[in-house]
């Protein structure tokens, strides 16, 4: 049974912490069923992983890429329907959508900054005014 030490691997992967990460990742891959590139010789997976790195049967760069890929989150997104995409590209849907203040997005009327601020303020004041009116009504009873 051949013994492998960290010193055998440090010339391939100079950072000992990275060596531990890569060999641990490779050992977990072996546990999951990855094919071995050296004889097992009755060794456990971490020792076999270190031997693979020391004998250069597996490249640290490949292990590094595989480790990074295993840590990345992949978010599956559905592709938008072709019909909706064609509407968006052609701009036909723009006239159908109204903005917050009721004007259509595709309209040629542009709101000035002052008008926008007034519209926002009226939206803010509107709930306060309604609650004040309701309080006045309750006080009259």
C-alpha atoms as a PDB file:
ATOM      1  CA  UNK A   1       0.000   0.000   0.000  1.00  0.00           C
ATOM      2  CA  UNK A   2       1.566   3.253  -1.154  1.00  0.00           C
ATOM      3  CA  UNK A   3       1.447   6.157   1.275  1.00  0.00           C
ATOM      4  CA  UNK A   4       0.742   9.624  -0.014  1.00  0.00           C
ATOM      5  CA  UNK A   5       1.461  12.790   1.889  1.00  0.00           C
ATOM      6  CA  UNK A   6       0.540  16.408   1.397  1.00  0.00           C
ATOM      7  CA  UNK A   7       4.167  17.084   0.384  1.00  0.00           C
ATOM      8  CA  UNK A   8       3.642  14.827  -2.663  1.00  0.00           C
ATOM      9  CA  UNK A   9       0.788  17.063  -3.796  1.00  0.00           C
ATOM     10  CA  UNK A  10       1.995  20.545  -2.823  1.00  0.00           C
ATOM     11  CA  UNK A  11       4.028  20.937  -6.020  1.00  0.00           C
ATOM     12  CA  UNK A  12       0.818  20.336  -8.029  1.00  0.00           C
ATOM     13  CA  UNK A  13      -1.452  22.489  -5.829  1.00  0.00           C
ATOM     14  CA  UNK A  14       0.699  24.982  -3.886  1.00  0.00           C
ATOM     15  CA  UNK A  15      -2.045  26.164  -1.518  1.00  0.00           C
ATOM     16  CA  UNK A  16      -2.674  23.462   1.105  1.00  0.00           C
ATOM     17  CA  UNK A  17      -6.187  24.714   1.804  1.00  0.00           C
ATOM     18  CA  UNK A  18      -7.077  24.512  -1.875  1.00  0.00           C
ATOM     19  CA  UNK A  19      -5.557  21.031  -1.965  1.00  0.00           C
ATOM     20  CA  UNK A  20      -7.886  19.964   0.840  1.00  0.00           C
ATOM     21  CA  UNK A  21     -10.900  21.440  -0.971  1.00  0.00           C
ATOM     22  CA  UNK A  22     -10.019  19.800  -4.291  1.00  0.00           C
ATOM     23  CA  UNK A  23      -9.188  16.390  -2.848  1.00  0.00           C
ATOM     24  CA  UNK A  24     -12.329  16.459  -0.677  1.00  0.00           C
ATOM     25  CA  UNK A  25     -14.438  17.321  -3.713  1.00  0.00           C
ATOM     26  CA  UNK A  26     -12.816  14.491  -5.686  1.00  0.00           C
ATOM     27  CA  UNK A  27     -13.371  12.044  -2.793  1.00  0.00           C
ATOM     28  CA  UNK A  28     -17.080  12.962  -2.692  1.00  0.00           C
ATOM     29  CA  UNK A  29     -17.256  12.461  -6.462  1.00  0.00           C
ATOM     30  CA  UNK A  30     -15.774   8.980  -6.010  1.00  0.00           C
ATOM     31  CA  UNK A  31     -18.394   8.209  -3.363  1.00  0.00           C
ATOM     32  CA  UNK A  32     -21.047   9.289  -5.859  1.00  0.00           C
ATOM     33  CA  UNK A  33     -19.676   6.827  -8.426  1.00  0.00           C
ATOM     34  CA  UNK A  34     -16.972   8.708 -10.353  1.00  0.00           C
ATOM     35  CA  UNK A  35     -14.471   6.475 -12.104  1.00  0.00           C
ATOM     36  CA  UNK A  36     -11.060   6.077 -10.443  1.00  0.00           C
ATOM     37  CA  UNK A  37      -7.917   6.958 -12.398  1.00  0.00           C
ATOM     38  CA  UNK A  38      -5.506   5.012 -10.115  1.00  0.00           C
ATOM     39  CA  UNK A  39      -5.699   1.624  -8.409  1.00  0.00           C
ATOM     40  CA  UNK A  40      -7.524   1.731  -5.093  1.00  0.00           C
ATOM     41  CA  UNK A  41      -4.991  -0.487  -3.240  1.00  0.00           C
ATOM     42  CA  UNK A  42      -7.422  -0.821  -0.322  1.00  0.00           C
ATOM     43  CA  UNK A  43      -7.251   2.956   0.312  1.00  0.00           C
ATOM     44  CA  UNK A  44     -10.165   5.143   1.213  1.00  0.00           C
ATOM     45  CA  UNK A  45     -11.502   7.824  -1.133  1.00  0.00           C
ATOM     46  CA  UNK A  46      -9.571  10.812   0.327  1.00  0.00           C
ATOM     47  CA  UNK A  47      -6.262   8.947  -0.008  1.00  0.00           C
ATOM     48  CA  UNK A  48      -7.121   7.858  -3.554  1.00  0.00           C
ATOM     49  CA  UNK A  49      -7.989  11.466  -4.415  1.00  0.00           C
ATOM     50  CA  UNK A  50      -4.618  12.671  -3.107  1.00  0.00           C
ATOM     51  CA  UNK A  51      -2.843   9.921  -5.050  1.00  0.00           C
ATOM     52  CA  UNK A  52      -4.656  10.979  -8.233  1.00  0.00           C
ATOM     53  CA  UNK A  53      -3.484  14.556  -7.719  1.00  0.00           C
ATOM     54  CA  UNK A  54       0.085  13.485  -6.865  1.00  0.00           C
ATOM     55  CA  UNK A  55       0.353  11.206  -9.903  1.00  0.00           C
ATOM     56  CA  UNK A  56      -1.267  13.819 -12.162  1.00  0.00           C
ATOM     57  CA  UNK A  57      -3.917  11.402 -13.424  1.00  0.00           C
ATOM     58  CA  UNK A  58      -6.431  14.129 -12.743  1.00  0.00           C
ATOM     59  CA  UNK A  59      -5.611  17.809 -13.243  1.00  0.00           C
ATOM     60  CA  UNK A  60      -6.181  20.315 -10.433  1.00  0.00           C
ATOM     61  CA  UNK A  61      -7.610  22.774 -12.979  1.00  0.00           C
ATOM     62  CA  UNK A  62     -10.312  20.258 -13.901  1.00  0.00           C
ATOM     63  CA  UNK A  63     -11.093  19.646 -10.235  1.00  0.00           C
ATOM     64  CA  UNK A  64     -11.222  23.408  -9.616  1.00  0.00           C
ATOM     65  CA  UNK A  65     -13.716  23.957 -12.448  1.00  0.00           C
ATOM     66  CA  UNK A  66     -15.851  21.044 -11.282  1.00  0.00           C
ATOM     67  CA  UNK A  67     -15.823  22.320  -7.694  1.00  0.00           C
ATOM     68  CA  UNK A  68     -16.865  25.825  -8.745  1.00  0.00           C
ATOM     69  CA  UNK A  69     -19.604  24.436 -10.998  1.00  0.00           C
ATOM     70  CA  UNK A  70     -20.944  22.288  -8.152  1.00  0.00           C
ATOM     71  CA  UNK A  71     -21.252  25.356  -5.902  1.00  0.00           C
ATOM     72  CA  UNK A  72     -23.091  27.498  -8.426  1.00  0.00           C
ATOM     73  CA  UNK A  73     -26.845  27.800  -8.178  1.00  0.00           C
ATOM     74  CA  UNK A  74     -28.653  27.196 -11.407  1.00  0.00           C
ATOM     75  CA  UNK A  75     -32.038  28.831 -11.723  1.00  0.00           C
ATOM     76  CA  UNK A  76     -34.236  27.314 -14.369  1.00  0.00           C
ATOM     77  CA  UNK A  77     -36.302  29.970 -16.071  1.00  0.00           C
ATOM     78  CA  UNK A  78     -39.059  29.365 -18.526  1.00  0.00           C
ATOM     79  CA  UNK A  79     -38.584  30.935 -21.908  1.00  0.00           C
ATOM     80  CA  UNK A  80     -41.247  33.514 -22.749  1.00  0.00           C
ATOM     81  CA  UNK A  81     -43.786  32.428 -25.276  1.00  0.00           C
ATOM     82  CA  UNK A  82     -42.946  33.302 -28.863  1.00  0.00           C
ATOM     83  CA  UNK A  83     -46.215  35.163 -29.318  1.00  0.00           C
ATOM     84  CA  UNK A  84     -45.553  37.467 -26.362  1.00  0.00           C
ATOM     85  CA  UNK A  85     -41.992  38.078 -27.521  1.00  0.00           C
ATOM     86  CA  UNK A  86     -43.192  39.048 -30.981  1.00  0.00           C
ATOM     87  CA  UNK A  87     -45.648  41.531 -29.423  1.00  0.00           C
ATOM     88  CA  UNK A  88     -42.913  43.057 -27.316  1.00  0.00           C
ATOM     89  CA  UNK A  89     -40.522  43.323 -30.232  1.00  0.00           C
ATOM     90  CA  UNK A  90     -43.103  44.865 -32.541  1.00  0.00           C
ATOM     91  CA  UNK A  91     -44.261  47.326 -29.869  1.00  0.00           C
ATOM     92  CA  UNK A  92     -47.944  46.477 -30.308  1.00  0.00           C
ATOM     93  CA  UNK A  93     -48.403  45.660 -26.641  1.00  0.00           C
ATOM     94  CA  UNK A  94     -47.076  49.030 -25.484  1.00  0.00           C
ATOM     95  CA  UNK A  95     -50.366  50.835 -26.145  1.00  0.00           C
ATOM     96  CA  UNK A  96     -52.339  48.284 -24.114  1.00  0.00           C
ATOM     97  CA  UNK A  97     -50.477  48.785 -20.849  1.00  0.00           C
ATOM     98  CA  UNK A  98     -51.367  51.769 -18.664  1.00  0.00           C
ATOM     99  CA  UNK A  99     -48.949  53.241 -16.175  1.00  0.00           C
ATOM    100  CA  UNK A 100     -49.768  53.966 -12.521  1.00  0.00           C
ATOM    101  CA  UNK A 101     -51.465  57.274 -13.235  1.00  0.00           C
ATOM    102  CA  UNK A 102     -53.680  56.021 -16.054  1.00  0.00           C
ATOM    103  CA  UNK A 103     -51.715  57.211 -19.084  1.00  0.00           C
ATOM    104  CA  UNK A 104     -50.834  54.624 -21.689  1.00  0.00           C
ATOM    105  CA  UNK A 105     -47.122  53.917 -22.015  1.00  0.00           C
ATOM    106  CA  UNK A 106     -47.182  54.330 -25.753  1.00  0.00           C
ATOM    107  CA  UNK A 107     -48.870  57.724 -25.643  1.00  0.00           C
ATOM    108  CA  UNK A 108     -47.028  60.738 -26.964  1.00  0.00           C
ATOM    109  CA  UNK A 109     -48.028  62.937 -23.995  1.00  0.00           C
ATOM    110  CA  UNK A 110     -45.060  63.403 -21.724  1.00  0.00           C
ATOM    111  CA  UNK A 111     -45.518  64.410 -18.129  1.00  0.00           C
ATOM    112  CA  UNK A 112     -43.323  67.205 -16.849  1.00  0.00           C
ATOM    113  CA  UNK A 113     -41.392  66.759 -13.641  1.00  0.00           C
ATOM    114  CA  UNK A 114     -43.725  69.128 -11.811  1.00  0.00           C
ATOM    115  CA  UNK A 115     -46.802  67.257 -13.025  1.00  0.00           C
ATOM    116  CA  UNK A 116     -45.234  63.980 -11.944  1.00  0.00           C
ATOM    117  CA  UNK A 117     -44.496  65.337  -8.470  1.00  0.00           C
ATOM    118  CA  UNK A 118     -48.066  66.656  -8.150  1.00  0.00           C
ATOM    119  CA  UNK A 119     -49.489  63.300  -9.231  1.00  0.00           C
ATOM    120  CA  UNK A 120     -47.317  61.459  -6.714  1.00  0.00           C
ATOM    121  CA  UNK A 121     -48.289  63.889  -3.965  1.00  0.00           C
ATOM    122  CA  UNK A 122     -51.981  63.458  -4.776  1.00  0.00           C
ATOM    123  CA  UNK A 123     -51.552  59.683  -4.512  1.00  0.00           C
ATOM    124  CA  UNK A 124     -49.899  60.120  -1.112  1.00  0.00           C
ATOM    125  CA  UNK A 125     -52.457  62.633   0.161  1.00  0.00           C
ATOM    126  CA  UNK A 126     -55.445  60.677  -1.107  1.00  0.00           C
ATOM    127  CA  UNK A 127     -55.474  57.954   1.636  1.00  0.00           C
ATOM    128  CA  UNK A 128     -54.804  60.550   4.343  1.00  0.00           C
ATOM    129  CA  UNK A 129     -57.660  62.737   3.106  1.00  0.00           C
ATOM    130  CA  UNK A 130     -60.052  59.772   3.068  1.00  0.00           C
ATOM    131  CA  UNK A 131     -59.183  58.802   6.643  1.00  0.00           C
ATOM    132  CA  UNK A 132     -59.600  62.443   7.791  1.00  0.00           C
ATOM    133  CA  UNK A 133     -63.006  62.624   6.102  1.00  0.00           C
ATOM    134  CA  UNK A 134     -64.012  59.365   7.793  1.00  0.00           C
ATOM    135  CA  UNK A 135     -62.946  60.727  11.192  1.00  0.00           C
ATOM    136  CA  UNK A 136     -65.042  63.867  10.594  1.00  0.00           C
ATOM    137  CA  UNK A 137     -68.064  61.711   9.776  1.00  0.00           C
ATOM    138  CA  UNK A 138     -67.620  59.660  12.966  1.00  0.00           C
ATOM    139  CA  UNK A 139     -67.450  62.837  15.087  1.00  0.00           C
ATOM    140  CA  UNK A 140     -70.785  64.152  13.758  1.00  0.00           C
ATOM    141  CA  UNK A 141     -72.822  61.214  15.066  1.00  0.00           C
END
